[in-house]
Amino acid sequence: MFQSLRVPSTTSFAKSLSIAMTLFLCCCFCASAYAEETANVHPFLSETFNVQLGVYLPRRNIFVRVDGSAGGENIGIDFDENLQLSKNDNLFALEFTWRFGEKWSLRSQYFDSSTRKSSVLQEDIEWGDDIIQAGSSVSAGSSQTIKRFFFGRSFDSSPEYDYGVGMGVHWLNTGVFVERDFATDFGDASAVSASGPLPNIGGWFYYSPTAKWLVGGRLDWFEASVGDYAGSIINVGVGANYQFAEHFGIGAKYQIFELAAEIRNKPVWRGRLETKYDGLYLYLSGNW
């Protein structure tokens, strides 16, 4: 199970965090630049419940390392390059916001991804104590389920703004597998998986220039190390929503989710996982 996690800083993670912070700060700057004194605001800022239901169209990257039992580190496997998995995905996604009291909110998010493909290896790959030789025909795949729960407090003082901070948890179920066919002697199947909560802190900023429009974004982040686990997580979304009816709207946002985790001294998996999703999220929203 994942615990509070920390992974040594990597170029990929630093780059993603920089992009996320830039998007988030640009959103805040643009909203402030066009602020208007009005109480006629988008329902997202005034209604108790808001739900967003849509499709997430990310570009996906998966990197896995499964170390052997004798110690030392194997060479990592890029599932997209080494096993020719598709880098593009179309995912069902759901977000929900419940505002209660004057300043408090509970926010949640869900999406899952699974992929499988057969291919012929162009080079040897290491998986635990085994080496799968080039020329072998294998099936490989991955599955990721992400559930986000976030409890926040708002600090806004004007009806057209909503900004605040909070803390929450991402519950992750993740797994990867490599499965043989008749042409290999690798074994029937080999799979690794992990699941559990990753805590995070975060903040958000939303601005409604008119009753029809909402712009803004949110950022979740955490990095820590405990026991046999180490890791980092970033989850950011920036976009806009147009309210076309009293209780319904349409929206789009750019969403980035990135996880990096080291798993140490576990019998089912000792190694590393890096996964990243970034792309457009299109949705229909409802409020009441």
C-alpha atoms as a PDB file:
ATOM      1  CA  MET A   1       0.000   0.000   0.000  1.00  0.00           C
ATOM      2  CA  PHE A   2       1.149   3.492  -0.757  1.00  0.00           C
ATOM      3  CA  GLN A   3       1.864   5.665   2.258  1.00  0.00           C
ATOM      4  CA  SER A   4       2.889   9.318   2.475  1.00  0.00           C
ATOM      5  CA  LEU A   5       5.503   9.400  -0.239  1.00  0.00           C
ATOM      6  CA  ARG A   6       8.673  11.094  -1.403  1.00  0.00           C
ATOM      7  CA  VAL A   7      10.760  10.568  -4.526  1.00  0.00           C
ATOM      8  CA  PRO A   8      14.049  12.361  -5.170  1.00  0.00           C
ATOM      9  CA  SER A   9      13.464  15.324  -7.437  1.00  0.00           C
ATOM     10  CA  THR A  10      13.467  14.463 -11.149  1.00  0.00           C
ATOM     11  CA  THR A  11      13.638  16.625 -14.235  1.00  0.00           C
ATOM     12  CA  SER A  12      10.253  15.351 -15.417  1.00  0.00           C
ATOM     13  CA  PHE A  13       8.508  16.129 -12.156  1.00  0.00           C
ATOM     14  CA  ALA A  14      10.136  19.536 -11.819  1.00  0.00           C
ATOM     15  CA  LYS A  15       9.081  20.403 -15.365  1.00  0.00           C
ATOM     16  CA  SER A  16       5.479  19.310 -14.731  1.00  0.00           C
ATOM     17  CA  LEU A  17       5.311  21.256 -11.477  1.00  0.00           C
ATOM     18  CA  SER A  18       6.684  24.337 -13.243  1.00  0.00           C
ATOM     19  CA  ILE A  19       4.069  24.038 -16.003  1.00  0.00           C
ATOM     20  CA  ALA A  20       1.305  23.506 -13.459  1.00  0.00           C
ATOM     21  CA  MET A  21       2.323  26.513 -11.390  1.00  0.00           C
ATOM     22  CA  THR A  22       2.599  28.682 -14.513  1.00  0.00           C
ATOM     23  CA  LEU A  23      -0.899  27.708 -15.678  1.00  0.00           C
ATOM     24  CA  PHE A  24      -2.327  28.256 -12.218  1.00  0.00           C
ATOM     25  CA  LEU A  25      -0.690  31.660 -11.697  1.00  0.00           C
ATOM     26  CA  CYS A  26      -1.623  32.842 -15.211  1.00  0.00           C
ATOM     27  CA  CYS A  27      -5.208  31.925 -14.475  1.00  0.00           C
ATOM     28  CA  CYS A  28      -5.146  33.931 -11.238  1.00  0.00           C
ATOM     29  CA  PHE A  29      -3.515  36.928 -12.951  1.00  0.00           C
ATOM     30  CA  CYS A  30      -5.988  36.986 -15.843  1.00  0.00           C
ATOM     31  CA  ALA A  31      -8.944  36.720 -13.527  1.00  0.00           C
ATOM     32  CA  SER A  32      -7.726  39.580 -11.353  1.00  0.00           C
ATOM     33  CA  ALA A  33      -6.988  41.763 -14.391  1.00  0.00           C
ATOM     34  CA  TYR A  34     -10.590  41.601 -15.567  1.00  0.00           C
ATOM     35  CA  ALA A  35     -12.360  41.720 -12.223  1.00  0.00           C
ATOM     36  CA  GLU A  36     -15.782  43.402 -12.075  1.00  0.00           C
ATOM     37  CA  GLU A  37     -17.792  44.486  -9.055  1.00  0.00           C
ATOM     38  CA  THR A  38     -20.930  42.390  -9.459  1.00  0.00           C
ATOM     39  CA  ALA A  39     -22.972  39.881  -7.477  1.00  0.00           C
ATOM     40  CA  ASN A  40     -24.408  38.374 -10.680  1.00  0.00           C
ATOM     41  CA  VAL A  41     -22.106  35.358 -10.696  1.00  0.00           C
ATOM     42  CA  HIS A  42     -21.773  31.932 -12.255  1.00  0.00           C
ATOM     43  CA  PRO A  43     -23.773  29.236 -10.364  1.00  0.00           C
ATOM     44  CA  PHE A  44     -20.582  27.303  -9.589  1.00  0.00           C
ATOM     45  CA  LEU A  45     -19.783  29.991  -7.011  1.00  0.00           C
ATOM     46  CA  SER A  46     -23.261  30.212  -5.488  1.00  0.00           C
ATOM     47  CA  GLU A  47     -24.977  26.805  -5.704  1.00  0.00           C
ATOM     48  CA  THR A  48     -24.534  24.047  -3.090  1.00  0.00           C
ATOM     49  CA  PHE A  49     -23.821  21.181  -5.486  1.00  0.00           C
ATOM     50  CA  ASN A  50     -21.943  21.012  -8.779  1.00  0.00           C
ATOM     51  CA  VAL A  51     -21.195  17.957 -10.898  1.00  0.00           C
ATOM     52  CA  GLN A  52     -19.006  17.679 -14.022  1.00  0.00           C
ATOM     53  CA  LEU A  53     -19.400  14.646 -16.271  1.00  0.00           C
ATOM     54  CA  GLY A  54     -17.304  14.246 -19.399  1.00  0.00           C
ATOM     55  CA  VAL A  55     -14.411  12.737 -21.289  1.00  0.00           C
ATOM     56  CA  TYR A  56     -10.711  13.153 -20.556  1.00  0.00           C
ATOM     57  CA  LEU A  57      -8.450  13.018 -23.630  1.00  0.00           C
ATOM     58  CA  PRO A  58      -4.919  12.714 -22.242  1.00  0.00           C
ATOM     59  CA  ARG A  59      -1.586  11.722 -23.665  1.00  0.00           C
ATOM     60  CA  ARG A  60      -0.345   8.935 -21.361  1.00  0.00           C
ATOM     61  CA  ASN A  61       3.189   7.879 -20.430  1.00  0.00           C
ATOM     62  CA  ILE A  62       4.025   4.861 -18.239  1.00  0.00           C
ATOM     63  CA  PHE A  63       7.479   3.870 -16.967  1.00  0.00           C
ATOM     64  CA  VAL A  64       7.935   0.768 -14.782  1.00  0.00           C
ATOM     65  CA  ARG A  65      10.881  -0.880 -13.099  1.00  0.00           C
ATOM     66  CA  VAL A  66      10.490  -4.299 -11.460  1.00  0.00           C
ATOM     67  CA  ASP A  67      13.645  -5.264  -9.566  1.00  0.00           C
ATOM     68  CA  GLY A  68      14.790  -8.825  -8.899  1.00  0.00           C
ATOM     69  CA  SER A  69      14.902 -10.565  -5.533  1.00  0.00           C
ATOM     70  CA  ALA A  70      18.707 -10.573  -5.386  1.00  0.00           C
ATOM     71  CA  GLY A  71      18.945  -6.795  -4.969  1.00  0.00           C
ATOM     72  CA  GLY A  72      20.114  -4.090  -7.304  1.00  0.00           C
ATOM     73  CA  GLU A  73      18.024  -2.221  -9.835  1.00  0.00           C
ATOM     74  CA  ASN A  74      16.848  -3.491 -13.197  1.00  0.00           C
ATOM     75  CA  ILE A  75      16.607  -1.300 -16.278  1.00  0.00           C
ATOM     76  CA  GLY A  76      13.234   0.412 -16.423  1.00  0.00           C
ATOM     77  CA  ILE A  77      10.625  -0.301 -19.092  1.00  0.00           C
ATOM     78  CA  ASP A  78       8.897   2.444 -21.030  1.00  0.00           C
ATOM     79  CA  PHE A  79       5.558   0.751 -21.765  1.00  0.00           C
ATOM     80  CA  ASP A  80       4.778   3.129 -24.616  1.00  0.00           C
ATOM     81  CA  GLU A  81       8.120   2.699 -26.393  1.00  0.00           C
ATOM     82  CA  ASN A  82       9.281  -0.823 -25.460  1.00  0.00           C
ATOM     83  CA  LEU A  83       5.862  -2.487 -25.617  1.00  0.00           C
ATOM     84  CA  GLN A  84       4.190  -0.215 -28.198  1.00  0.00           C
ATOM     85  CA  LEU A  85       1.220   0.689 -26.018  1.00  0.00           C
ATOM     86  CA  SER A  86      -0.825   3.594 -27.327  1.00  0.00           C
ATOM     87  CA  LYS A  87       0.085   6.943 -25.792  1.00  0.00           C
ATOM     88  CA  ASN A  88      -3.420   8.339 -26.284  1.00  0.00           C
ATOM     89  CA  ASP A  89      -6.467   7.501 -24.210  1.00  0.00           C
ATOM     90  CA  ASN A  90     -10.136   8.517 -24.015  1.00  0.00           C
ATOM     91  CA  LEU A  91     -11.356   8.256 -20.429  1.00  0.00           C
ATOM     92  CA  PHE A  92     -14.644   8.755 -18.645  1.00  0.00           C
ATOM     93  CA  ALA A  93     -14.180  11.370 -15.901  1.00  0.00           C
ATOM     94  CA  LEU A  94     -16.321  12.742 -13.076  1.00  0.00           C
ATOM     95  CA  GLU A  95     -15.920  15.646 -10.641  1.00  0.00           C
ATOM     96  CA  PHE A  96     -18.232  16.684  -7.803  1.00  0.00           C
ATOM     97  CA  THR A  97     -18.277  19.694  -5.462  1.00  0.00           C
ATOM     98  CA  TRP A  98     -20.378  20.124  -2.313  1.00  0.00           C
ATOM     99  CA  ARG A  99     -20.314  23.522  -0.598  1.00  0.00           C
ATOM    100  CA  PHE A 100     -21.525  23.597   3.000  1.00  0.00           C
ATOM    101  CA  GLY A 101     -21.479  26.302   5.608  1.00  0.00           C
ATOM    102  CA  GLU A 102     -20.184  29.685   4.502  1.00  0.00           C
ATOM    103  CA  LYS A 103     -16.587  28.759   3.712  1.00  0.00           C
ATOM    104  CA  TRP A 104     -16.250  24.982   3.485  1.00  0.00           C
ATOM    105  CA  SER A 105     -16.344  22.536   0.588  1.00  0.00           C
ATOM    106  CA  LEU A 106     -15.772  18.889  -0.233  1.00  0.00           C
ATOM    107  CA  ARG A 107     -14.511  18.120  -3.743  1.00  0.00           C
ATOM    108  CA  SER A 108     -14.011  14.781  -5.449  1.00  0.00           C
ATOM    109  CA  GLN A 109     -12.691  13.489  -8.773  1.00  0.00           C
ATOM    110  CA  TYR A 110     -12.639  10.112 -10.525  1.00  0.00           C
ATOM    111  CA  PHE A 111     -11.164   8.649 -13.689  1.00  0.00           C
ATOM    112  CA  ASP A 112      -9.704   5.308 -14.668  1.00  0.00           C
ATOM    113  CA  SER A 113      -7.573   4.003 -17.509  1.00  0.00           C
ATOM    114  CA  SER A 114      -6.796   0.525 -18.771  1.00  0.00           C
ATOM    115  CA  THR A 115      -4.952  -0.615 -21.868  1.00  0.00           C
ATOM    116  CA  ARG A 116      -3.680  -3.871 -23.349  1.00  0.00           C
ATOM    117  CA  LYS A 117      -1.744  -4.733 -26.500  1.00  0.00           C
ATOM    118  CA  SER A 118       0.208  -7.605 -28.029  1.00  0.00           C
ATOM    119  CA  SER A 119       3.603  -6.887 -29.544  1.00  0.00           C
ATOM    120  CA  VAL A 120       6.946  -8.407 -30.491  1.00  0.00           C
ATOM    121  CA  LEU A 121       9.849  -7.150 -28.396  1.00  0.00           C
ATOM    122  CA  GLN A 122      12.571  -5.328 -30.291  1.00  0.00           C
ATOM    123  CA  GLU A 123      15.034  -5.654 -27.393  1.00  0.00           C
ATOM    124  CA  ASP A 124      15.461  -7.619 -24.166  1.00  0.00           C
ATOM    125  CA  ILE A 125      13.622  -6.339 -21.116  1.00  0.00           C
ATOM    126  CA  GLU A 126      14.135  -7.183 -17.435  1.00  0.00           C
ATOM    127  CA  TRP A 127      11.144  -8.072 -15.273  1.00  0.00           C
ATOM    128  CA  GLY A 128      12.016  -9.100 -11.729  1.00  0.00           C
ATOM    129  CA  ASP A 129      14.314 -12.106 -11.888  1.00  0.00           C
ATOM    130  CA  ASP A 130      13.485 -12.826 -15.540  1.00  0.00           C
ATOM    131  CA  ILE A 131      14.773 -11.521 -18.847  1.00  0.00           C
ATOM    132  CA  ILE A 132      12.304 -11.514 -21.738  1.00  0.00           C
ATOM    133  CA  GLN A 133      14.322 -11.819 -24.910  1.00  0.00           C
ATOM    134  CA  ALA A 134      14.010  -9.743 -28.052  1.00  0.00           C
ATOM    135  CA  GLY A 135      11.774 -11.420 -30.605  1.00  0.00           C
ATOM    136  CA  SER A 136       9.367 -12.713 -27.950  1.00  0.00           C
ATOM    137  CA  SER A 137       5.687 -12.138 -28.591  1.00  0.00           C
ATOM    138  CA  VAL A 138       3.973 -10.844 -25.465  1.00  0.00           C
ATOM    139  CA  SER A 139       0.829  -9.103 -24.308  1.00  0.00           C
ATOM    140  CA  ALA A 140       1.248  -6.203 -21.920  1.00  0.00           C
ATOM    141  CA  GLY A 141      -0.984  -3.651 -20.301  1.00  0.00           C
ATOM    142  CA  SER A 142      -1.715  -1.355 -17.410  1.00  0.00           C
ATOM    143  CA  SER A 143      -4.595  -0.153 -15.297  1.00  0.00           C
ATOM    144  CA  GLN A 144      -4.953   3.025 -13.250  1.00  0.00           C
ATOM    145  CA  THR A 145      -7.882   4.153 -11.112  1.00  0.00           C
ATOM    146  CA  ILE A 146      -7.676   7.583  -9.467  1.00  0.00           C
ATOM    147  CA  LYS A 147     -10.131   8.848  -6.850  1.00  0.00           C
ATOM    148  CA  ARG A 148      -9.583  12.290  -5.314  1.00  0.00           C
ATOM    149  CA  PHE A 149     -11.207  13.624  -2.147  1.00  0.00           C
ATOM    150  CA  PHE A 150     -10.365  17.170  -1.066  1.00  0.00           C
ATOM    151  CA  PHE A 151     -11.598  19.176   1.943  1.00  0.00           C
ATOM    152  CA  GLY A 152     -11.086  22.943   1.603  1.00  0.00           C
ATOM    153  CA  ARG A 153     -11.734  26.322   3.165  1.00  0.00           C
ATOM    154  CA  SER A 154     -12.515  29.381   1.075  1.00  0.00           C
ATOM    155  CA  PHE A 155     -11.043  32.831   1.835  1.00  0.00           C
ATOM    156  CA  ASP A 156     -12.922  34.905  -0.744  1.00  0.00           C
ATOM    157  CA  SER A 157     -14.718  38.068   0.358  1.00  0.00           C
ATOM    158  CA  SER A 158     -16.435  38.995  -2.937  1.00  0.00           C
ATOM    159  CA  PRO A 159     -19.285  37.037  -4.593  1.00  0.00           C
ATOM    160  CA  GLU A 160     -17.497  36.808  -7.950  1.00  0.00           C
ATOM    161  CA  TYR A 161     -14.368  35.167  -6.480  1.00  0.00           C
ATOM    162  CA  ASP A 162     -13.701  31.791  -4.915  1.00  0.00           C
ATOM    163  CA  TYR A 163     -10.208  30.967  -3.697  1.00  0.00           C
ATOM    164  CA  GLY A 164      -8.882  28.886  -0.847  1.00  0.00           C
ATOM    165  CA  VAL A 165      -6.674  26.056   0.357  1.00  0.00           C
ATOM    166  CA  GLY A 166      -7.158  22.633   1.819  1.00  0.00           C
ATOM    167  CA  MET A 167      -5.929  19.085   2.085  1.00  0.00           C
ATOM    168  CA  GLY A 168      -7.098  15.753   0.840  1.00  0.00           C
ATOM    169  CA  VAL A 169      -6.168  12.329  -0.443  1.00  0.00           C
ATOM    170  CA  HIS A 170      -5.798  10.563  -3.779  1.00  0.00           C
ATOM    171  CA  TRP A 171      -6.742   6.895  -3.595  1.00  0.00           C
ATOM    172  CA  LEU A 172      -4.853   5.001  -6.293  1.00  0.00           C
ATOM    173  CA  ASN A 173      -5.149   1.496  -7.671  1.00  0.00           C
ATOM    174  CA  THR A 174      -2.393   0.835 -10.169  1.00  0.00           C
ATOM    175  CA  GLY A 175      -1.009  -2.236 -11.868  1.00  0.00           C
ATOM    176  CA  VAL A 176       0.999  -3.398 -14.889  1.00  0.00           C
ATOM    177  CA  PHE A 177       1.484  -6.830 -16.421  1.00  0.00           C
ATOM    178  CA  VAL A 178       3.419  -8.729 -19.076  1.00  0.00           C
ATOM    179  CA  GLU A 179       1.858 -11.970 -20.321  1.00  0.00           C
ATOM    180  CA  ARG A 180       3.429 -14.595 -22.524  1.00  0.00           C
ATOM    181  CA  ASP A 181       2.097 -16.319 -25.616  1.00  0.00           C
ATOM    182  CA  PHE A 182       3.090 -19.721 -26.999  1.00  0.00           C
ATOM    183  CA  ALA A 183       6.333 -18.363 -28.482  1.00  0.00           C
ATOM    184  CA  THR A 184       7.985 -17.591 -25.142  1.00  0.00           C
ATOM    185  CA  ASP A 185       8.987 -19.539 -22.051  1.00  0.00           C
ATOM    186  CA  PHE A 186       8.661 -16.528 -19.751  1.00  0.00           C
ATOM    187  CA  GLY A 187       5.801 -18.029 -17.750  1.00  0.00           C
ATOM    188  CA  ASP A 188       2.048 -17.707 -17.887  1.00  0.00           C
ATOM    189  CA  ALA A 189       1.861 -14.130 -16.630  1.00  0.00           C
ATOM    190  CA  SER A 190       3.694 -11.679 -14.442  1.00  0.00           C
ATOM    191  CA  ALA A 191       1.918  -8.724 -12.874  1.00  0.00           C
ATOM    192  CA  VAL A 192       2.638  -6.174 -10.169  1.00  0.00           C
ATOM    193  CA  SER A 193       0.204  -3.837  -8.469  1.00  0.00           C
ATOM    194  CA  ALA A 194      -0.149  -1.412  -5.584  1.00  0.00           C
ATOM    195  CA  SER A 195      -2.985   0.533  -4.023  1.00  0.00           C
ATOM    196  CA  GLY A 196      -3.618   2.962  -1.217  1.00  0.00           C
ATOM    197  CA  PRO A 197      -3.951   6.620  -0.226  1.00  0.00           C
ATOM    198  CA  LEU A 198      -1.590   9.465  -1.087  1.00  0.00           C
ATOM    199  CA  PRO A 199      -2.239  12.621   0.938  1.00  0.00           C
ATOM    200  CA  ASN A 200      -1.907  16.034  -0.653  1.00  0.00           C
ATOM    201  CA  ILE A 201      -2.270  19.748  -0.051  1.00  0.00           C
ATOM    202  CA  GLY A 202      -3.650  22.195  -2.597  1.00  0.00           C
ATOM    203  CA  GLY A 203      -5.423  25.383  -3.505  1.00  0.00           C
ATOM    204  CA  TRP A 204      -7.840  26.844  -6.055  1.00  0.00           C
ATOM    205  CA  PHE A 205      -8.837  30.145  -7.638  1.00  0.00           C
ATOM    206  CA  TYR A 206     -12.054  30.771  -9.611  1.00  0.00           C
ATOM    207  CA  TYR A 207     -13.476  33.990 -10.983  1.00  0.00           C
ATOM    208  CA  SER A 208     -16.855  34.766 -12.559  1.00  0.00           C
ATOM    209  CA  PRO A 209     -16.770  37.871 -14.810  1.00  0.00           C
ATOM    210  CA  THR A 210     -20.477  37.392 -15.663  1.00  0.00           C
ATOM    211  CA  ALA A 211     -23.309  35.064 -14.670  1.00  0.00           C
ATOM    212  CA  LYS A 212     -22.536  32.922 -17.736  1.00  0.00           C
ATOM    213  CA  TRP A 213     -18.757  32.547 -17.493  1.00  0.00           C
ATOM    214  CA  LEU A 214     -16.363  31.017 -14.995  1.00  0.00           C
ATOM    215  CA  VAL A 215     -12.560  30.771 -15.315  1.00  0.00           C
ATOM    216  CA  GLY A 216     -10.063  29.337 -12.891  1.00  0.00           C
ATOM    217  CA  GLY A 217      -8.131  26.328 -11.755  1.00  0.00           C
ATOM    218  CA  ARG A 218      -6.825  24.211  -8.921  1.00  0.00           C
ATOM    219  CA  LEU A 219      -3.529  22.615  -7.945  1.00  0.00           C
ATOM    220  CA  ASP A 220      -2.832  19.596  -5.704  1.00  0.00           C
ATOM    221  CA  TRP A 221       0.692  18.580  -4.777  1.00  0.00           C
ATOM    222  CA  PHE A 222       2.562  16.440  -2.285  1.00  0.00           C
ATOM    223  CA  GLU A 223       6.025  14.942  -1.802  1.00  0.00           C
ATOM    224  CA  ALA A 224       7.110  12.877   1.202  1.00  0.00           C
ATOM    225  CA  SER A 225       8.904   9.715   2.340  1.00  0.00           C
ATOM    226  CA  VAL A 226       7.851   7.078   4.879  1.00  0.00           C
ATOM    227  CA  GLY A 227       9.143   3.541   5.429  1.00  0.00           C
ATOM    228  CA  ASP A 228       9.235   1.374   2.316  1.00  0.00           C
ATOM    229  CA  TYR A 229       7.614   3.963   0.063  1.00  0.00           C
ATOM    230  CA  ALA A 230       8.690   7.204  -1.557  1.00  0.00           C
ATOM    231  CA  GLY A 231       6.840   9.345  -4.049  1.00  0.00           C
ATOM    232  CA  SER A 232       5.415  12.574  -5.398  1.00  0.00           C
ATOM    233  CA  ILE A 233       2.102  13.561  -6.927  1.00  0.00           C
ATOM    234  CA  ILE A 234       0.789  16.538  -8.878  1.00  0.00           C
ATOM    235  CA  ASN A 235      -2.771  17.109 -10.083  1.00  0.00           C
ATOM    236  CA  VAL A 236      -3.724  20.393 -11.781  1.00  0.00           C
ATOM    237  CA  GLY A 237      -6.637  21.581 -13.892  1.00  0.00           C
ATOM    238  CA  VAL A 238      -7.179  25.012 -15.501  1.00  0.00           C
ATOM    239  CA  GLY A 239     -10.100  26.000 -17.727  1.00  0.00           C
ATOM    240  CA  ALA A 240     -13.443  27.729 -18.269  1.00  0.00           C
ATOM    241  CA  ASN A 241     -17.167  26.979 -18.083  1.00  0.00           C
ATOM    242  CA  TYR A 242     -20.144  28.505 -19.908  1.00  0.00           C
ATOM    243  CA  GLN A 243     -23.598  28.322 -18.288  1.00  0.00           C
ATOM    244  CA  PHE A 244     -26.088  27.877 -21.163  1.00  0.00           C
ATOM    245  CA  ALA A 245     -29.154  27.102 -19.003  1.00  0.00           C
ATOM    246  CA  GLU A 246     -30.295  27.628 -15.422  1.00  0.00           C
ATOM    247  CA  HIS A 247     -28.885  24.337 -14.165  1.00  0.00           C
ATOM    248  CA  PHE A 248     -26.530  23.249 -16.960  1.00  0.00           C
ATOM    249  CA  GLY A 249     -23.249  24.342 -18.500  1.00  0.00           C
ATOM    250  CA  ILE A 250     -20.417  23.138 -20.710  1.00  0.00           C
ATOM    251  CA  GLY A 251     -16.732  23.436 -19.987  1.00  0.00           C
ATOM    252  CA  ALA A 252     -13.189  22.570 -20.925  1.00  0.00           C
ATOM    253  CA  LYS A 253      -9.997  22.410 -18.921  1.00  0.00           C
ATOM    254  CA  TYR A 254      -6.410  21.302 -19.365  1.00  0.00           C
ATOM    255  CA  GLN A 255      -5.685  18.539 -16.863  1.00  0.00           C
ATOM    256  CA  ILE A 256      -2.299  17.193 -15.719  1.00  0.00           C
ATOM    257  CA  PHE A 257      -1.898  14.219 -13.391  1.00  0.00           C
ATOM    258  CA  GLU A 258       1.558  12.867 -12.575  1.00  0.00           C
ATOM    259  CA  LEU A 259       2.688  10.230 -10.085  1.00  0.00           C
ATOM    260  CA  ALA A 260       6.192   8.979  -9.315  1.00  0.00           C
ATOM    261  CA  ALA A 261       6.674   6.252  -6.707  1.00  0.00           C
ATOM    262  CA  GLU A 262       9.485   4.071  -5.415  1.00  0.00           C
ATOM    263  CA  ILE A 263       8.479   0.751  -3.813  1.00  0.00           C
ATOM    264  CA  ARG A 264      11.161  -0.782  -1.595  1.00  0.00           C
ATOM    265  CA  ASN A 265      11.462  -4.224  -0.004  1.00  0.00           C
ATOM    266  CA  LYS A 266       7.964  -5.441  -0.799  1.00  0.00           C
ATOM    267  CA  PRO A 267       7.519  -9.103  -1.826  1.00  0.00           C
ATOM    268  CA  VAL A 268       4.987  -8.333  -4.583  1.00  0.00           C
ATOM    269  CA  TRP A 269       6.847  -5.375  -6.078  1.00  0.00           C
ATOM    270  CA  ARG A 270      10.201  -3.756  -5.527  1.00  0.00           C
ATOM    271  CA  GLY A 271      10.936  -1.074  -8.094  1.00  0.00           C
ATOM    272  CA  ARG A 272       9.549   2.166  -9.481  1.00  0.00           C
ATOM    273  CA  LEU A 273       6.455   3.502 -11.224  1.00  0.00           C
ATOM    274  CA  GLU A 274       6.108   6.766 -13.140  1.00  0.00           C
ATOM    275  CA  THR A 275       2.835   7.641 -14.817  1.00  0.00           C
ATOM    276  CA  LYS A 276       1.651  10.867 -16.403  1.00  0.00           C
ATOM    277  CA  TYR A 277      -1.597  11.998 -18.013  1.00  0.00           C
ATOM    278  CA  ASP A 278      -1.926  15.407 -19.631  1.00  0.00           C
ATOM    279  CA  GLY A 279      -4.608  16.620 -21.999  1.00  0.00           C
ATOM    280  CA  LEU A 280      -8.019  18.183 -22.505  1.00  0.00           C
ATOM    281  CA  TYR A 281     -11.054  17.419 -20.351  1.00  0.00           C
ATOM    282  CA  LEU A 282     -14.437  18.254 -21.950  1.00  0.00           C
ATOM    283  CA  TYR A 283     -17.534  18.063 -19.780  1.00  0.00           C
ATOM    284  CA  LEU A 284     -21.188  18.862 -19.157  1.00  0.00           C
ATOM    285  CA  SER A 285     -21.859  20.479 -15.784  1.00  0.00           C
ATOM    286  CA  GLY A 286     -24.954  20.549 -13.598  1.00  0.00           C
ATOM    287  CA  ASN A 287     -25.674  22.634 -10.517  1.00  0.00           C
ATOM    288  CA  TRP A 288     -28.421  22.858  -7.907  1.00  0.00           C
END
